[in-house]
PDB file of N, CA and C in Angstrom:
ATOM      1  N   UNK A   1       0.796  -1.192   0.000  1.00  0.00           N
ATOM      2  CA  UNK A   1       0.000   0.000   0.000  1.00  0.00           C
ATOM      3  C   UNK A   1       0.846   1.267   0.000  1.00  0.00           C
ATOM      4  N   UNK A   2       2.097   1.124   0.234  1.00  0.00           N
ATOM      5  CA  UNK A   2       2.950   2.296   0.282  1.00  0.00           C
ATOM      6  C   UNK A   2       3.406   2.752  -1.097  1.00  0.00           C
ATOM      7  N   UNK A   3       3.052   2.004  -2.157  1.00  0.00           N
ATOM      8  CA  UNK A   3       3.461   2.361  -3.510  1.00  0.00           C
ATOM      9  C   UNK A   3       2.485   3.315  -4.196  1.00  0.00           C
ATOM     10  N   UNK A   4       1.499   3.810  -3.494  1.00  0.00           N
ATOM     11  CA  UNK A   4       0.534   4.710  -4.117  1.00  0.00           C
ATOM     12  C   UNK A   4       1.244   5.951  -4.635  1.00  0.00           C
ATOM     13  N   UNK A   5       0.842   6.353  -5.830  1.00  0.00           N
ATOM     14  CA  UNK A   5       1.442   7.516  -6.474  1.00  0.00           C
ATOM     15  C   UNK A   5       0.669   8.754  -6.042  1.00  0.00           C
ATOM     16  N   UNK A   6       1.189   9.499  -5.116  1.00  0.00           N
ATOM     17  CA  UNK A   6       0.532  10.704  -4.622  1.00  0.00           C
ATOM     18  C   UNK A   6       1.092  11.906  -5.378  1.00  0.00           C
ATOM     19  N   UNK A   7       0.461  12.200  -6.518  1.00  0.00           N
ATOM     20  CA  UNK A   7       0.873  13.365  -7.300  1.00  0.00           C
ATOM     21  C   UNK A   7      -0.229  14.404  -7.257  1.00  0.00           C
ATOM     22  N   UNK A   8       0.128  15.591  -7.573  1.00  0.00           N
ATOM     23  CA  UNK A   8      -0.832  16.688  -7.615  1.00  0.00           C
ATOM     24  C   UNK A   8      -1.728  16.467  -8.833  1.00  0.00           C
ATOM     25  N   UNK A   9      -3.024  16.791  -8.700  1.00  0.00           N
ATOM     26  CA  UNK A   9      -3.992  16.454  -9.736  1.00  0.00           C
ATOM     27  C   UNK A   9      -3.682  17.097 -11.080  1.00  0.00           C
ATOM     28  N   UNK A  10      -3.131  18.305 -11.104  1.00  0.00           N
ATOM     29  CA  UNK A  10      -2.886  18.953 -12.387  1.00  0.00           C
ATOM     30  C   UNK A  10      -1.661  18.403 -13.105  1.00  0.00           C
ATOM     31  N   UNK A  11      -0.906  17.576 -12.449  1.00  0.00           N
ATOM     32  CA  UNK A  11       0.233  16.938 -13.106  1.00  0.00           C
ATOM     33  C   UNK A  11      -0.146  15.598 -13.728  1.00  0.00           C
ATOM     34  N   UNK A  12      -1.374  15.176 -13.522  1.00  0.00           N
ATOM     35  CA  UNK A  12      -1.847  13.921 -14.077  1.00  0.00           C
ATOM     36  C   UNK A  12      -2.397  14.174 -15.486  1.00  0.00           C
ATOM     37  N   UNK A  13      -1.959  13.414 -16.464  1.00  0.00           N
ATOM     38  CA  UNK A  13      -2.373  13.621 -17.856  1.00  0.00           C
ATOM     39  C   UNK A  13      -3.829  13.288 -18.116  1.00  0.00           C
ATOM     40  N   UNK A  14      -4.381  12.335 -17.370  1.00  0.00           N
ATOM     41  CA  UNK A  14      -5.769  11.945 -17.578  1.00  0.00           C
ATOM     42  C   UNK A  14      -6.744  13.064 -17.202  1.00  0.00           C
ATOM     43  N   UNK A  15      -6.387  13.861 -16.247  1.00  0.00           N
ATOM     44  CA  UNK A  15      -7.246  14.987 -15.860  1.00  0.00           C
ATOM     45  C   UNK A  15      -7.376  15.952 -17.019  1.00  0.00           C
ATOM     46  N   UNK A  16      -6.280  16.265 -17.691  1.00  0.00           N
ATOM     47  CA  UNK A  16      -6.313  17.189 -18.824  1.00  0.00           C
ATOM     48  C   UNK A  16      -7.016  16.572 -20.032  1.00  0.00           C
ATOM     49  N   UNK A  17      -6.919  15.263 -20.167  1.00  0.00           N
ATOM     50  CA  UNK A  17      -7.642  14.573 -21.237  1.00  0.00           C
ATOM     51  C   UNK A  17      -9.144  14.689 -21.013  1.00  0.00           C
ATOM     52  N   UNK A  18      -9.581  14.538 -19.783  1.00  0.00           N
ATOM     53  CA  UNK A  18     -11.013  14.641 -19.468  1.00  0.00           C
ATOM     54  C   UNK A  18     -11.498  16.086 -19.571  1.00  0.00           C
ATOM     55  N   UNK A  19     -10.698  17.029 -19.138  1.00  0.00           N
ATOM     56  CA  UNK A  19     -11.105  18.436 -19.159  1.00  0.00           C
ATOM     57  C   UNK A  19     -11.012  19.066 -20.550  1.00  0.00           C
ATOM     58  N   UNK A  20     -10.292  18.454 -21.459  1.00  0.00           N
ATOM     59  CA  UNK A  20     -10.102  19.045 -22.790  1.00  0.00           C
ATOM     60  C   UNK A  20     -11.413  19.173 -23.553  1.00  0.00           C
ATOM     61  N   UNK A  21     -12.294  18.189 -23.443  1.00  0.00           N
ATOM     62  CA  UNK A  21     -13.577  18.239 -24.154  1.00  0.00           C
ATOM     63  C   UNK A  21     -14.460  19.389 -23.716  1.00  0.00           C
ATOM     64  N   UNK A  22     -14.801  19.469 -22.433  1.00  0.00           N
ATOM     65  CA  UNK A  22     -15.650  20.581 -22.000  1.00  0.00           C
ATOM     66  C   UNK A  22     -15.020  21.960 -22.204  1.00  0.00           C
ATOM     67  N   UNK A  23     -13.719  22.062 -22.021  1.00  0.00           N
ATOM     68  CA  UNK A  23     -13.061  23.358 -22.225  1.00  0.00           C
ATOM     69  C   UNK A  23     -13.139  23.771 -23.694  1.00  0.00           C
ATOM     70  N   UNK A  24     -12.951  22.823 -24.602  1.00  0.00           N
ATOM     71  CA  UNK A  24     -13.035  23.150 -26.028  1.00  0.00           C
ATOM     72  C   UNK A  24     -14.457  23.541 -26.417  1.00  0.00           C
ATOM     73  N   UNK A  25     -15.466  22.941 -25.805  1.00  0.00           N
ATOM     74  CA  UNK A  25     -16.853  23.316 -26.089  1.00  0.00           C
ATOM     75  C   UNK A  25     -17.137  24.733 -25.596  1.00  0.00           C
ATOM     76  N   UNK A  26     -16.625  25.088 -24.445  1.00  0.00           N
ATOM     77  CA  UNK A  26     -16.823  26.442 -23.917  1.00  0.00           C
ATOM     78  C   UNK A  26     -16.150  27.462 -24.827  1.00  0.00           C
ATOM     79  N   UNK A  27     -14.948  27.179 -25.279  1.00  0.00           N
ATOM     80  CA  UNK A  27     -14.247  28.089 -26.188  1.00  0.00           C
ATOM     81  C   UNK A  27     -15.009  28.214 -27.504  1.00  0.00           C
ATOM     82  N   UNK A  28     -15.498  27.101 -28.030  1.00  0.00           N
ATOM     83  CA  UNK A  28     -16.265  27.135 -29.285  1.00  0.00           C
ATOM     84  C   UNK A  28     -17.558  27.924 -29.115  1.00  0.00           C
ATOM     85  N   UNK A  29     -18.185  27.858 -27.942  1.00  0.00           N
ATOM     86  CA  UNK A  29     -19.403  28.632 -27.730  1.00  0.00           C
ATOM     87  C   UNK A  29     -19.117  30.132 -27.710  1.00  0.00           C
ATOM     88  N   UNK A  30     -17.994  30.527 -27.136  1.00  0.00           N
ATOM     89  CA  UNK A  30     -17.631  31.949 -27.164  1.00  0.00           C
ATOM     90  C   UNK A  30     -17.321  32.415 -28.582  1.00  0.00           C
ATOM     91  N   UNK A  31     -16.669  31.582 -29.361  1.00  0.00           N
ATOM     92  CA  UNK A  31     -16.390  31.934 -30.761  1.00  0.00           C
ATOM     93  C   UNK A  31     -17.702  32.057 -31.534  1.00  0.00           C
ATOM     94  N   UNK A  32     -18.627  31.140 -31.318  1.00  0.00           N
ATOM     95  CA  UNK A  32     -19.928  31.205 -31.987  1.00  0.00           C
ATOM     96  C   UNK A  32     -20.696  32.447 -31.582  1.00  0.00           C
ATOM     97  N   UNK A  33     -20.662  32.791 -30.305  1.00  0.00           N
ATOM     98  CA  UNK A  33     -21.328  34.006 -29.836  1.00  0.00           C
ATOM     99  C   UNK A  33     -20.718  35.241 -30.484  1.00  0.00           C
ATOM    100  N   UNK A  34     -19.401  35.287 -30.561  1.00  0.00           N
ATOM    101  CA  UNK A  34     -18.728  36.425 -31.190  1.00  0.00           C
ATOM    102  C   UNK A  34     -19.141  36.558 -32.652  1.00  0.00           C
ATOM    103  N   UNK A  35     -19.175  35.437 -33.377  1.00  0.00           N
ATOM    104  CA  UNK A  35     -19.563  35.483 -34.787  1.00  0.00           C
ATOM    105  C   UNK A  35     -21.021  35.896 -34.949  1.00  0.00           C
ATOM    106  N   UNK A  36     -21.880  35.462 -34.048  1.00  0.00           N
ATOM    107  CA  UNK A  36     -23.292  35.822 -34.133  1.00  0.00           C
ATOM    108  C   UNK A  36     -23.514  37.303 -33.856  1.00  0.00           C
ATOM    109  N   UNK A  37     -22.726  37.871 -32.969  1.00  0.00           N
ATOM    110  CA  UNK A  37     -22.903  39.274 -32.618  1.00  0.00           C
ATOM    111  C   UNK A  37     -22.298  40.187 -33.676  1.00  0.00           C
ATOM    112  N   UNK A  38     -21.148  39.822 -34.210  1.00  0.00           N
ATOM    113  CA  UNK A  38     -20.466  40.719 -35.142  1.00  0.00           C
ATOM    114  C   UNK A  38     -20.952  40.590 -36.576  1.00  0.00           C
ATOM    115  N   UNK A  39     -21.607  39.488 -36.930  1.00  0.00           N
ATOM    116  CA  UNK A  39     -22.083  39.290 -38.305  1.00  0.00           C
ATOM    117  C   UNK A  39     -23.568  38.928 -38.297  1.00  0.00           C
ATOM    118  N   UNK A  40     -24.447  39.906 -38.070  1.00  0.00           N
ATOM    119  CA  UNK A  40     -25.879  39.585 -38.038  1.00  0.00           C
ATOM    120  C   UNK A  40     -26.402  39.247 -39.437  1.00  0.00           C
ATOM    121  N   UNK A  41     -27.491  38.498 -39.469  1.00  0.00           N
ATOM    122  CA  UNK A  41     -28.110  38.144 -40.746  1.00  0.00           C
ATOM    123  C   UNK A  41     -28.721  39.372 -41.384  1.00  0.00           C
ATOM    124  N   UNK A  42     -28.695  39.383 -42.704  1.00  0.00           N
ATOM    125  CA  UNK A  42     -29.306  40.483 -43.428  1.00  0.00           C
ATOM    126  C   UNK A  42     -30.826  40.339 -43.368  1.00  0.00           C
ATOM    127  N   UNK A  43     -31.515  41.455 -43.211  1.00  0.00           N
ATOM    128  CA  UNK A  43     -32.965  41.446 -43.152  1.00  0.00           C
ATOM    129  C   UNK A  43     -33.497  41.432 -44.580  1.00  0.00           C
ATOM    130  N   UNK A  44     -34.459  40.560 -44.830  1.00  0.00           N
ATOM    131  CA  UNK A  44     -35.070  40.489 -46.153  1.00  0.00           C
ATOM    132  C   UNK A  44     -36.142  41.564 -46.215  1.00  0.00           C
ATOM    133  N   UNK A  45     -35.993  42.471 -47.167  1.00  0.00           N
ATOM    134  CA  UNK A  45     -36.959  43.547 -47.311  1.00  0.00           C
ATOM    135  C   UNK A  45     -38.188  43.050 -48.063  1.00  0.00           C
ATOM    136  N   UNK A  46     -39.339  43.366 -47.527  1.00  0.00           N
ATOM    137  CA  UNK A  46     -40.612  43.111 -48.183  1.00  0.00           C
ATOM    138  C   UNK A  46     -40.773  41.637 -48.558  1.00  0.00           C
ATOM    139  N   UNK A  47     -40.537  40.736 -47.610  1.00  0.00           N
ATOM    140  CA  UNK A  47     -40.612  39.302 -47.877  1.00  0.00           C
ATOM    141  C   UNK A  47     -42.035  38.861 -48.199  1.00  0.00           C
ATOM    142  N   UNK A  48     -43.027  39.529 -47.652  1.00  0.00           N
ATOM    143  CA  UNK A  48     -44.411  39.146 -47.909  1.00  0.00           C
ATOM    144  C   UNK A  48     -44.772  39.388 -49.374  1.00  0.00           C
ATOM    145  N   UNK A  49     -44.357  40.538 -49.904  1.00  0.00           N
ATOM    146  CA  UNK A  49     -44.643  40.861 -51.304  1.00  0.00           C
ATOM    147  C   UNK A  49     -43.925  39.890 -52.238  1.00  0.00           C
ATOM    148  N   UNK A  50     -42.699  39.494 -51.888  1.00  0.00           N
ATOM    149  CA  UNK A  50     -41.978  38.530 -52.710  1.00  0.00           C
ATOM    150  C   UNK A  50     -42.675  37.179 -52.710  1.00  0.00           C
ATOM    151  N   UNK A  51     -43.254  36.786 -51.591  1.00  0.00           N
ATOM    152  CA  UNK A  51     -44.001  35.536 -51.521  1.00  0.00           C
ATOM    153  C   UNK A  51     -45.238  35.564 -52.390  1.00  0.00           C
ATOM    154  N   UNK A  52     -45.932  36.693 -52.413  1.00  0.00           N
ATOM    155  CA  UNK A  52     -47.119  36.825 -53.271  1.00  0.00           C
ATOM    156  C   UNK A  52     -46.721  36.734 -54.742  1.00  0.00           C
ATOM    157  N   UNK A  53     -45.603  37.356 -55.120  1.00  0.00           N
ATOM    158  CA  UNK A  53     -45.143  37.292 -56.504  1.00  0.00           C
ATOM    159  C   UNK A  53     -44.776  35.865 -56.906  1.00  0.00           C
ATOM    160  N   UNK A  54     -44.166  35.114 -55.982  1.00  0.00           N
ATOM    161  CA  UNK A  54     -43.821  33.724 -56.275  1.00  0.00           C
ATOM    162  C   UNK A  54     -45.093  32.910 -56.492  1.00  0.00           C
ATOM    163  N   UNK A  55     -46.121  33.141 -55.664  1.00  0.00           N
ATOM    164  CA  UNK A  55     -47.379  32.417 -55.836  1.00  0.00           C
ATOM    165  C   UNK A  55     -48.044  32.747 -57.160  1.00  0.00           C
ATOM    166  N   UNK A  56     -47.959  33.995 -57.605  1.00  0.00           N
ATOM    167  CA  UNK A  56     -48.548  34.371 -58.895  1.00  0.00           C
ATOM    168  C   UNK A  56     -47.853  33.648 -60.036  1.00  0.00           C
ATOM    169  N   UNK A  57     -46.531  33.544 -59.981  1.00  0.00           N
ATOM    170  CA  UNK A  57     -45.823  32.861 -61.073  1.00  0.00           C
ATOM    171  C   UNK A  57     -46.101  31.366 -61.066  1.00  0.00           C
ATOM    172  N   UNK A  58     -46.278  30.752 -59.898  1.00  0.00           N
ATOM    173  CA  UNK A  58     -46.581  29.319 -59.881  1.00  0.00           C
ATOM    174  C   UNK A  58     -48.000  29.059 -60.342  1.00  0.00           C
ATOM    175  N   UNK A  59     -48.929  29.992 -60.104  1.00  0.00           N
ATOM    176  CA  UNK A  59     -50.296  29.817 -60.586  1.00  0.00           C
ATOM    177  C   UNK A  59     -50.360  29.896 -62.105  1.00  0.00           C
ATOM    178  N   UNK A  60     -49.512  30.706 -62.710  1.00  0.00           N
ATOM    179  CA  UNK A  60     -49.497  30.828 -64.157  1.00  0.00           C
ATOM    180  C   UNK A  60     -48.943  29.570 -64.821  1.00  0.00           C
ATOM    181  N   UNK A  61     -48.072  28.893 -64.140  1.00  0.00           N
ATOM    182  CA  UNK A  61     -47.444  27.701 -64.710  1.00  0.00           C
ATOM    183  C   UNK A  61     -48.172  26.425 -64.309  1.00  0.00           C
ATOM    184  N   UNK A  62     -49.434  26.508 -64.000  1.00  0.00           N
ATOM    185  CA  UNK A  62     -50.200  25.357 -63.531  1.00  0.00           C
ATOM    186  C   UNK A  62     -50.338  24.320 -64.657  1.00  0.00           C
ATOM    187  N   UNK A  63     -50.260  23.095 -64.280  1.00  0.00           N
ATOM    188  CA  UNK A  63     -50.379  21.989 -65.217  1.00  0.00           C
ATOM    189  C   UNK A  63     -51.823  21.892 -65.714  1.00  0.00           C
ATOM    190  N   UNK A  64     -52.040  21.785 -67.022  1.00  0.00           N
ATOM    191  CA  UNK A  64     -53.419  21.698 -67.525  1.00  0.00           C
ATOM    192  C   UNK A  64     -54.121  20.413 -67.090  1.00  0.00           C
ATOM    193  N   UNK A  65     -53.374  19.395 -66.689  1.00  0.00           N
ATOM    194  CA  UNK A  65     -53.980  18.152 -66.240  1.00  0.00           C
ATOM    195  C   UNK A  65     -54.235  18.143 -64.730  1.00  0.00           C
ATOM    196  N   UNK A  66     -54.025  19.262 -64.062  1.00  0.00           N
ATOM    197  CA  UNK A  66     -54.173  19.314 -62.620  1.00  0.00           C
ATOM    198  C   UNK A  66     -55.565  18.934 -62.148  1.00  0.00           C
ATOM    199  N   UNK A  67     -56.670  19.394 -62.781  1.00  0.00           N
ATOM    200  CA  UNK A  67     -57.988  18.969 -62.296  1.00  0.00           C
ATOM    201  C   UNK A  67     -58.183  17.457 -62.408  1.00  0.00           C
ATOM    202  N   UNK A  68     -57.703  16.850 -63.499  1.00  0.00           N
ATOM    203  CA  UNK A  68     -57.847  15.401 -63.652  1.00  0.00           C
ATOM    204  C   UNK A  68     -57.023  14.669 -62.604  1.00  0.00           C
ATOM    205  N   UNK A  69     -55.834  15.140 -62.348  1.00  0.00           N
ATOM    206  CA  UNK A  69     -54.975  14.515 -61.351  1.00  0.00           C
ATOM    207  C   UNK A  69     -55.584  14.651 -59.966  1.00  0.00           C
ATOM    208  N   UNK A  70     -56.164  15.799 -59.686  1.00  0.00           N
ATOM    209  CA  UNK A  70     -56.773  16.024 -58.387  1.00  0.00           C
ATOM    210  C   UNK A  70     -57.987  15.110 -58.208  1.00  0.00           C
ATOM    211  N   UNK A  71     -58.793  14.978 -59.237  1.00  0.00           N
ATOM    212  CA  UNK A  71     -59.964  14.109 -59.137  1.00  0.00           C
ATOM    213  C   UNK A  71     -59.531  12.661 -58.972  1.00  0.00           C
ATOM    214  N   UNK A  72     -58.498  12.255 -59.677  1.00  0.00           N
ATOM    215  CA  UNK A  72     -58.018  10.886 -59.575  1.00  0.00           C
ATOM    216  C   UNK A  72     -57.468  10.607 -58.179  1.00  0.00           C
ATOM    217  N   UNK A  73     -56.779  11.580 -57.598  1.00  0.00           N
ATOM    218  CA  UNK A  73     -56.207  11.383 -56.274  1.00  0.00           C
ATOM    219  C   UNK A  73     -57.268  11.340 -55.184  1.00  0.00           C
ATOM    220  N   UNK A  74     -58.394  12.011 -55.394  1.00  0.00           N
ATOM    221  CA  UNK A  74     -59.431  12.063 -54.374  1.00  0.00           C
ATOM    222  C   UNK A  74     -60.555  11.069 -54.632  1.00  0.00           C
ATOM    223  N   UNK A  75     -60.414  10.169 -55.586  1.00  0.00           N
ATOM    224  CA  UNK A  75     -61.485   9.225 -55.906  1.00  0.00           C
ATOM    225  C   UNK A  75     -61.752   8.278 -54.749  1.00  0.00           C
ATOM    226  N   UNK A  76     -60.736   7.888 -54.035  1.00  0.00           N
ATOM    227  CA  UNK A  76     -60.930   6.935 -52.951  1.00  0.00           C
ATOM    228  C   UNK A  76     -61.374   7.608 -51.657  1.00  0.00           C
ATOM    229  N   UNK A  77     -61.090   8.869 -51.498  1.00  0.00           N
ATOM    230  CA  UNK A  77     -61.436   9.535 -50.244  1.00  0.00           C
ATOM    231  C   UNK A  77     -62.881   9.969 -50.189  1.00  0.00           C
ATOM    232  N   UNK A  78     -63.525  10.149 -51.333  1.00  0.00           N
ATOM    233  CA  UNK A  78     -64.908  10.601 -51.346  1.00  0.00           C
ATOM    234  C   UNK A  78     -65.047  12.104 -51.219  1.00  0.00           C
ATOM    235  N   UNK A  79     -63.934  12.816 -51.239  1.00  0.00           N
ATOM    236  CA  UNK A  79     -63.960  14.271 -51.153  1.00  0.00           C
ATOM    237  C   UNK A  79     -64.020  14.842 -52.560  1.00  0.00           C
ATOM    238  N   UNK A  80     -64.946  15.762 -52.780  1.00  0.00           N
ATOM    239  CA  UNK A  80     -65.060  16.377 -54.094  1.00  0.00           C
ATOM    240  C   UNK A  80     -63.902  17.341 -54.297  1.00  0.00           C
ATOM    241  N   UNK A  81     -63.269  17.317 -55.479  1.00  0.00           N
ATOM    242  CA  UNK A  81     -62.164  18.255 -55.734  1.00  0.00           C
ATOM    243  C   UNK A  81     -62.717  19.659 -55.953  1.00  0.00           C
ATOM    244  N   UNK A  82     -61.875  20.643 -55.695  1.00  0.00           N
ATOM    245  CA  UNK A  82     -62.250  22.026 -55.911  1.00  0.00           C
ATOM    246  C   UNK A  82     -62.404  22.281 -57.398  1.00  0.00           C
ATOM    247  N   UNK A  83     -63.367  23.110 -57.769  1.00  0.00           N
ATOM    248  CA  UNK A  83     -63.522  23.453 -59.169  1.00  0.00           C
ATOM    249  C   UNK A  83     -62.640  24.663 -59.475  1.00  0.00           C
ATOM    250  N   UNK A  84     -62.124  24.698 -60.659  1.00  0.00           N
ATOM    251  CA  UNK A  84     -61.219  25.774 -61.048  1.00  0.00           C
ATOM    252  C   UNK A  84     -61.921  26.857 -61.749  1.00  0.00           C
TER     253      UNK A  84
END
Protein backbone atom coordinates (compact mmCIF):
# COMPACT_ATOMS: atom_id res chain seq x y z
CA UNK A 1 0.00 0.00 0.00
CA UNK A 2 2.95 2.30 0.28
CA UNK A 3 3.46 2.36 -3.51
CA UNK A 4 0.53 4.71 -4.12
CA UNK A 5 1.44 7.52 -6.47
CA UNK A 6 0.53 10.70 -4.62
CA UNK A 7 0.87 13.37 -7.30
CA UNK A 8 -0.83 16.69 -7.62
CA UNK A 9 -3.99 16.45 -9.74
CA UNK A 10 -2.89 18.95 -12.39
CA UNK A 11 0.23 16.94 -13.11
CA UNK A 12 -1.85 13.92 -14.08
CA UNK A 13 -2.37 13.62 -17.86
CA UNK A 14 -5.77 11.94 -17.58
CA UNK A 15 -7.25 14.99 -15.86
CA UNK A 16 -6.31 17.19 -18.82
CA UNK A 17 -7.64 14.57 -21.24
CA UNK A 18 -11.01 14.64 -19.47
CA UNK A 19 -11.10 18.44 -19.16
CA UNK A 20 -10.10 19.05 -22.79
CA UNK A 21 -13.58 18.24 -24.15
CA UNK A 22 -15.65 20.58 -22.00
CA UNK A 23 -13.06 23.36 -22.23
CA UNK A 24 -13.04 23.15 -26.03
CA UNK A 25 -16.85 23.32 -26.09
CA UNK A 26 -16.82 26.44 -23.92
CA UNK A 27 -14.25 28.09 -26.19
CA UNK A 28 -16.26 27.13 -29.29
CA UNK A 29 -19.40 28.63 -27.73
CA UNK A 30 -17.63 31.95 -27.16
CA UNK A 31 -16.39 31.93 -30.76
CA UNK A 32 -19.93 31.20 -31.99
CA UNK A 33 -21.33 34.01 -29.84
CA UNK A 34 -18.73 36.42 -31.19
CA UNK A 35 -19.56 35.48 -34.79
CA UNK A 36 -23.29 35.82 -34.13
CA UNK A 37 -22.90 39.27 -32.62
CA UNK A 38 -20.47 40.72 -35.14
CA UNK A 39 -22.08 39.29 -38.30
CA UNK A 40 -25.88 39.58 -38.04
CA UNK A 41 -28.11 38.14 -40.75
CA UNK A 42 -29.31 40.48 -43.43
CA UNK A 43 -32.97 41.45 -43.15
CA UNK A 44 -35.07 40.49 -46.15
CA UNK A 45 -36.96 43.55 -47.31
CA UNK A 46 -40.61 43.11 -48.18
CA UNK A 47 -40.61 39.30 -47.88
CA UNK A 48 -44.41 39.15 -47.91
CA UNK A 49 -44.64 40.86 -51.30
CA UNK A 50 -41.98 38.53 -52.71
CA UNK A 51 -44.00 35.54 -51.52
CA UNK A 52 -47.12 36.82 -53.27
CA UNK A 53 -45.14 37.29 -56.50
CA UNK A 54 -43.82 33.72 -56.27
CA UNK A 55 -47.38 32.42 -55.84
CA UNK A 56 -48.55 34.37 -58.90
CA UNK A 57 -45.82 32.86 -61.07
CA UNK A 58 -46.58 29.32 -59.88
CA UNK A 59 -50.30 29.82 -60.59
CA UNK A 60 -49.50 30.83 -64.16
CA UNK A 61 -47.44 27.70 -64.71
CA UNK A 62 -50.20 25.36 -63.53
CA UNK A 63 -50.38 21.99 -65.22
CA UNK A 64 -53.42 21.70 -67.53
CA UNK A 65 -53.98 18.15 -66.24
CA UNK A 66 -54.17 19.31 -62.62
CA UNK A 67 -57.99 18.97 -62.30
CA UNK A 68 -57.85 15.40 -63.65
CA UNK A 69 -54.98 14.51 -61.35
CA UNK A 70 -56.77 16.02 -58.39
CA UNK A 71 -59.96 14.11 -59.14
CA UNK A 72 -58.02 10.89 -59.58
CA UNK A 73 -56.21 11.38 -56.27
CA UNK A 74 -59.43 12.06 -54.37
CA UNK A 75 -61.48 9.23 -55.91
CA UNK A 76 -60.93 6.93 -52.95
CA UNK A 77 -61.44 9.54 -50.24
CA UNK A 78 -64.91 10.60 -51.35
CA UNK A 79 -63.96 14.27 -51.15
CA UNK A 80 -65.06 16.38 -54.09
CA UNK A 81 -62.16 18.26 -55.73
CA UNK A 82 -62.25 22.03 -55.91
CA UNK A 83 -63.52 23.45 -59.17
CA UNK A 84 -61.22 25.77 -61.05
